[in-house]
N, C-alpha and C. Protein backbone atom coordinates (compact mmCIF):
# COMPACT_ATOMS: atom_id res chain seq x y z
N UNK A 1 84.45 66.95 89.32
CA UNK A 1 84.84 65.58 89.55
C UNK A 1 83.60 64.79 89.92
N UNK A 2 83.54 63.62 89.41
CA UNK A 2 82.38 62.79 89.71
C UNK A 2 82.58 62.06 91.02
N UNK A 3 81.47 61.63 91.61
CA UNK A 3 81.51 60.94 92.88
C UNK A 3 82.11 59.55 92.78
N UNK A 4 82.38 59.06 91.56
CA UNK A 4 82.97 57.74 91.38
C UNK A 4 84.42 57.71 91.88
N UNK A 5 85.07 58.84 91.92
CA UNK A 5 86.46 58.88 92.35
C UNK A 5 86.55 58.63 93.85
N UNK A 6 87.68 58.16 94.27
CA UNK A 6 87.86 57.89 95.69
C UNK A 6 87.85 59.20 96.47
N UNK A 7 87.39 59.14 97.72
CA UNK A 7 87.38 60.36 98.54
C UNK A 7 88.79 60.94 98.71
N UNK A 8 89.79 60.08 98.80
CA UNK A 8 91.16 60.57 98.95
C UNK A 8 91.63 61.30 97.69
N UNK A 9 91.27 60.76 96.52
CA UNK A 9 91.65 61.41 95.27
C UNK A 9 90.94 62.76 95.16
N UNK A 10 89.64 62.79 95.46
CA UNK A 10 88.91 64.06 95.43
C UNK A 10 89.56 65.09 96.35
N UNK A 11 89.89 64.67 97.55
CA UNK A 11 90.51 65.58 98.52
C UNK A 11 91.86 66.10 98.01
N UNK A 12 92.63 65.22 97.39
CA UNK A 12 93.95 65.62 96.87
C UNK A 12 93.81 66.62 95.72
N UNK A 13 92.87 66.36 94.83
CA UNK A 13 92.65 67.27 93.70
C UNK A 13 92.18 68.63 94.22
N UNK A 14 91.23 68.63 95.15
CA UNK A 14 90.73 69.89 95.68
C UNK A 14 91.81 70.64 96.46
N UNK A 15 92.69 69.91 97.13
CA UNK A 15 93.81 70.57 97.82
C UNK A 15 94.75 71.22 96.81
N UNK A 16 94.98 70.55 95.70
CA UNK A 16 95.82 71.13 94.65
C UNK A 16 95.18 72.39 94.09
N UNK A 17 93.87 72.37 93.90
CA UNK A 17 93.16 73.57 93.43
C UNK A 17 93.30 74.70 94.44
N UNK A 18 93.14 74.39 95.72
CA UNK A 18 93.32 75.41 96.77
C UNK A 18 94.72 76.02 96.70
N UNK A 19 95.72 75.19 96.50
CA UNK A 19 97.10 75.67 96.41
C UNK A 19 97.27 76.56 95.18
N UNK A 20 96.70 76.14 94.06
CA UNK A 20 96.80 76.96 92.84
C UNK A 20 96.10 78.30 93.04
N UNK A 21 94.96 78.29 93.70
CA UNK A 21 94.25 79.54 93.97
C UNK A 21 95.07 80.44 94.90
N UNK A 22 95.59 79.87 95.96
CA UNK A 22 96.36 80.64 96.94
C UNK A 22 97.61 81.26 96.31
N UNK A 23 98.31 80.46 95.49
CA UNK A 23 99.56 80.91 94.90
C UNK A 23 99.38 81.62 93.56
N UNK A 24 98.15 81.60 93.04
CA UNK A 24 97.86 82.18 91.72
C UNK A 24 98.78 81.61 90.65
N UNK A 25 98.96 80.30 90.72
CA UNK A 25 99.85 79.61 89.78
C UNK A 25 99.13 78.38 89.25
N UNK A 26 98.76 78.34 88.02
CA UNK A 26 98.83 79.44 87.07
C UNK A 26 97.75 80.49 87.37
N UNK A 27 97.97 81.72 86.95
CA UNK A 27 97.02 82.79 87.27
C UNK A 27 95.63 82.53 86.67
N UNK A 28 95.56 81.73 85.63
CA UNK A 28 94.27 81.45 84.99
C UNK A 28 93.33 80.66 85.90
N UNK A 29 93.88 79.98 86.90
CA UNK A 29 93.02 79.27 87.86
C UNK A 29 92.19 80.29 88.64
N UNK A 30 92.85 81.32 89.16
CA UNK A 30 92.14 82.36 89.91
C UNK A 30 91.20 83.15 89.00
N UNK A 31 91.63 83.41 87.78
CA UNK A 31 90.77 84.10 86.82
C UNK A 31 89.51 83.28 86.55
N UNK A 32 89.67 81.99 86.36
CA UNK A 32 88.53 81.11 86.10
C UNK A 32 87.61 81.04 87.32
N UNK A 33 88.21 80.94 88.49
CA UNK A 33 87.44 80.92 89.74
C UNK A 33 86.60 82.18 89.86
N UNK A 34 87.23 83.33 89.69
CA UNK A 34 86.52 84.61 89.80
C UNK A 34 85.41 84.72 88.76
N UNK A 35 85.66 84.26 87.55
CA UNK A 35 84.65 84.30 86.49
C UNK A 35 83.46 83.42 86.84
N UNK A 36 83.75 82.21 87.34
CA UNK A 36 82.67 81.30 87.71
C UNK A 36 81.83 81.87 88.85
N UNK A 37 82.47 82.49 89.82
CA UNK A 37 81.75 83.13 90.93
C UNK A 37 80.85 84.24 90.37
N UNK A 38 81.38 85.04 89.46
CA UNK A 38 80.60 86.13 88.85
C UNK A 38 79.42 85.58 88.05
N UNK A 39 79.55 84.36 87.54
CA UNK A 39 78.47 83.72 86.79
C UNK A 39 77.44 83.06 87.69
N UNK A 40 77.67 83.12 89.01
CA UNK A 40 76.68 82.61 89.95
C UNK A 40 77.00 81.27 90.59
N UNK A 41 78.16 80.71 90.31
CA UNK A 41 78.55 79.45 90.95
C UNK A 41 79.04 79.74 92.37
N UNK A 42 78.80 78.81 93.27
CA UNK A 42 79.33 78.95 94.62
C UNK A 42 80.83 78.70 94.58
N UNK A 43 81.52 79.07 95.64
CA UNK A 43 82.95 78.80 95.73
C UNK A 43 83.25 77.32 95.62
N UNK A 44 82.44 76.52 96.29
CA UNK A 44 82.65 75.06 96.25
C UNK A 44 82.44 74.52 94.83
N UNK A 45 81.38 74.98 94.17
CA UNK A 45 81.13 74.53 92.80
C UNK A 45 82.27 74.94 91.86
N UNK A 46 82.74 76.16 92.01
CA UNK A 46 83.83 76.65 91.17
C UNK A 46 85.09 75.82 91.39
N UNK A 47 85.41 75.52 92.64
CA UNK A 47 86.60 74.70 92.93
C UNK A 47 86.45 73.29 92.37
N UNK A 48 85.24 72.74 92.45
CA UNK A 48 85.00 71.39 91.91
C UNK A 48 85.14 71.38 90.38
N UNK A 49 84.64 72.42 89.72
CA UNK A 49 84.79 72.50 88.26
C UNK A 49 86.26 72.60 87.87
N UNK A 50 87.00 73.44 88.56
CA UNK A 50 88.44 73.57 88.30
C UNK A 50 89.13 72.24 88.60
N UNK A 51 88.72 71.58 89.67
CA UNK A 51 89.28 70.27 90.01
C UNK A 51 89.03 69.24 88.92
N UNK A 52 87.86 69.30 88.29
CA UNK A 52 87.57 68.37 87.20
C UNK A 52 88.52 68.59 86.03
N UNK A 53 88.84 69.86 85.76
CA UNK A 53 89.79 70.17 84.69
C UNK A 53 91.18 69.68 85.07
N UNK A 54 91.58 69.90 86.31
CA UNK A 54 92.89 69.43 86.77
C UNK A 54 92.97 67.91 86.69
N UNK A 55 91.93 67.23 87.11
CA UNK A 55 91.91 65.76 87.04
C UNK A 55 91.99 65.29 85.59
N UNK A 56 91.35 66.01 84.69
CA UNK A 56 91.41 65.65 83.27
C UNK A 56 92.83 65.80 82.74
N UNK A 57 93.50 66.86 83.13
CA UNK A 57 94.89 67.06 82.69
C UNK A 57 95.78 65.95 83.24
N UNK A 58 95.61 65.61 84.49
CA UNK A 58 96.40 64.53 85.09
C UNK A 58 96.13 63.23 84.37
N UNK A 59 94.86 62.94 84.09
CA UNK A 59 94.49 61.72 83.38
C UNK A 59 95.14 61.68 82.00
N UNK A 60 95.09 62.80 81.28
CA UNK A 60 95.68 62.88 79.95
C UNK A 60 97.18 62.59 80.00
N UNK A 61 97.85 63.17 80.97
CA UNK A 61 99.29 62.95 81.12
C UNK A 61 99.59 61.48 81.38
N UNK A 62 98.86 60.88 82.29
CA UNK A 62 99.13 59.49 82.66
C UNK A 62 98.71 58.49 81.58
N UNK A 63 97.51 58.67 81.03
CA UNK A 63 96.99 57.72 80.06
C UNK A 63 97.78 57.76 78.75
N UNK A 64 98.07 58.96 78.28
CA UNK A 64 98.71 59.12 76.98
C UNK A 64 100.22 59.30 77.07
N UNK A 65 100.72 59.23 78.29
CA UNK A 65 102.16 59.40 78.52
C UNK A 65 102.68 60.67 77.86
N UNK A 66 101.93 61.74 78.10
CA UNK A 66 102.29 63.05 77.57
C UNK A 66 102.86 63.90 78.69
N UNK A 67 103.56 64.93 78.30
CA UNK A 67 104.04 65.92 79.25
C UNK A 67 102.86 66.79 79.70
N UNK A 68 102.95 67.29 80.92
CA UNK A 68 101.98 68.28 81.37
C UNK A 68 102.02 69.45 80.42
N UNK A 69 100.86 69.95 80.05
CA UNK A 69 100.79 71.09 79.15
C UNK A 69 100.02 72.22 79.83
N UNK A 70 100.73 73.26 80.20
CA UNK A 70 100.07 74.42 80.80
C UNK A 70 99.08 75.03 79.81
N UNK A 71 99.44 75.03 78.54
CA UNK A 71 98.56 75.58 77.51
C UNK A 71 97.25 74.79 77.43
N UNK A 72 97.35 73.47 77.44
CA UNK A 72 96.15 72.62 77.39
C UNK A 72 95.28 72.84 78.63
N UNK A 73 95.92 72.91 79.79
CA UNK A 73 95.22 73.13 81.05
C UNK A 73 94.47 74.46 81.02
N UNK A 74 95.14 75.52 80.60
CA UNK A 74 94.53 76.85 80.54
C UNK A 74 93.37 76.87 79.54
N UNK A 75 93.52 76.22 78.40
CA UNK A 75 92.44 76.16 77.42
C UNK A 75 91.19 75.52 78.03
N UNK A 76 91.39 74.44 78.79
CA UNK A 76 90.24 73.78 79.44
C UNK A 76 89.62 74.69 80.49
N UNK A 77 90.46 75.39 81.27
CA UNK A 77 89.95 76.31 82.28
C UNK A 77 89.08 77.40 81.65
N UNK A 78 89.50 77.91 80.53
CA UNK A 78 88.78 79.00 79.88
C UNK A 78 87.42 78.57 79.34
N UNK A 79 87.23 77.27 79.14
CA UNK A 79 85.96 76.76 78.63
C UNK A 79 84.94 76.46 79.73
N UNK A 80 85.39 76.50 80.99
CA UNK A 80 84.47 76.22 82.09
C UNK A 80 83.30 77.20 82.06
N UNK A 81 82.10 76.78 82.34
CA UNK A 81 81.72 75.54 83.00
C UNK A 81 81.57 74.33 82.09
N UNK A 82 81.85 74.50 80.79
CA UNK A 82 81.81 73.32 79.92
C UNK A 82 82.97 72.41 80.29
N UNK A 83 82.65 71.13 80.41
CA UNK A 83 83.64 70.14 80.79
C UNK A 83 84.48 69.72 79.59
N UNK A 84 85.74 69.36 79.81
CA UNK A 84 86.62 68.99 78.69
C UNK A 84 86.08 67.84 77.85
N UNK A 85 85.31 66.97 78.43
CA UNK A 85 84.82 65.80 77.70
C UNK A 85 83.52 66.07 76.96
N UNK A 86 82.99 67.28 77.10
CA UNK A 86 81.73 67.62 76.41
C UNK A 86 81.99 68.12 75.02
């Protein structure tokens, strides 16, 4: 997530990532986190990368008036550290 976002929005997204990690829902969040850690990212960096993907999915849903897509979300997670917009 970029620093342009509001601090409250950043905190909310990161809290959602923490919840997904804790609950392993979807399990690909924890898998992506573990993979990023193994690749040398810090825990904070890994959570921020996952948060950027989550924010992208939320943006897609709101902007395009689409349904949440677990498949789309997981595809973006699997491409990390590459960002969805790259």
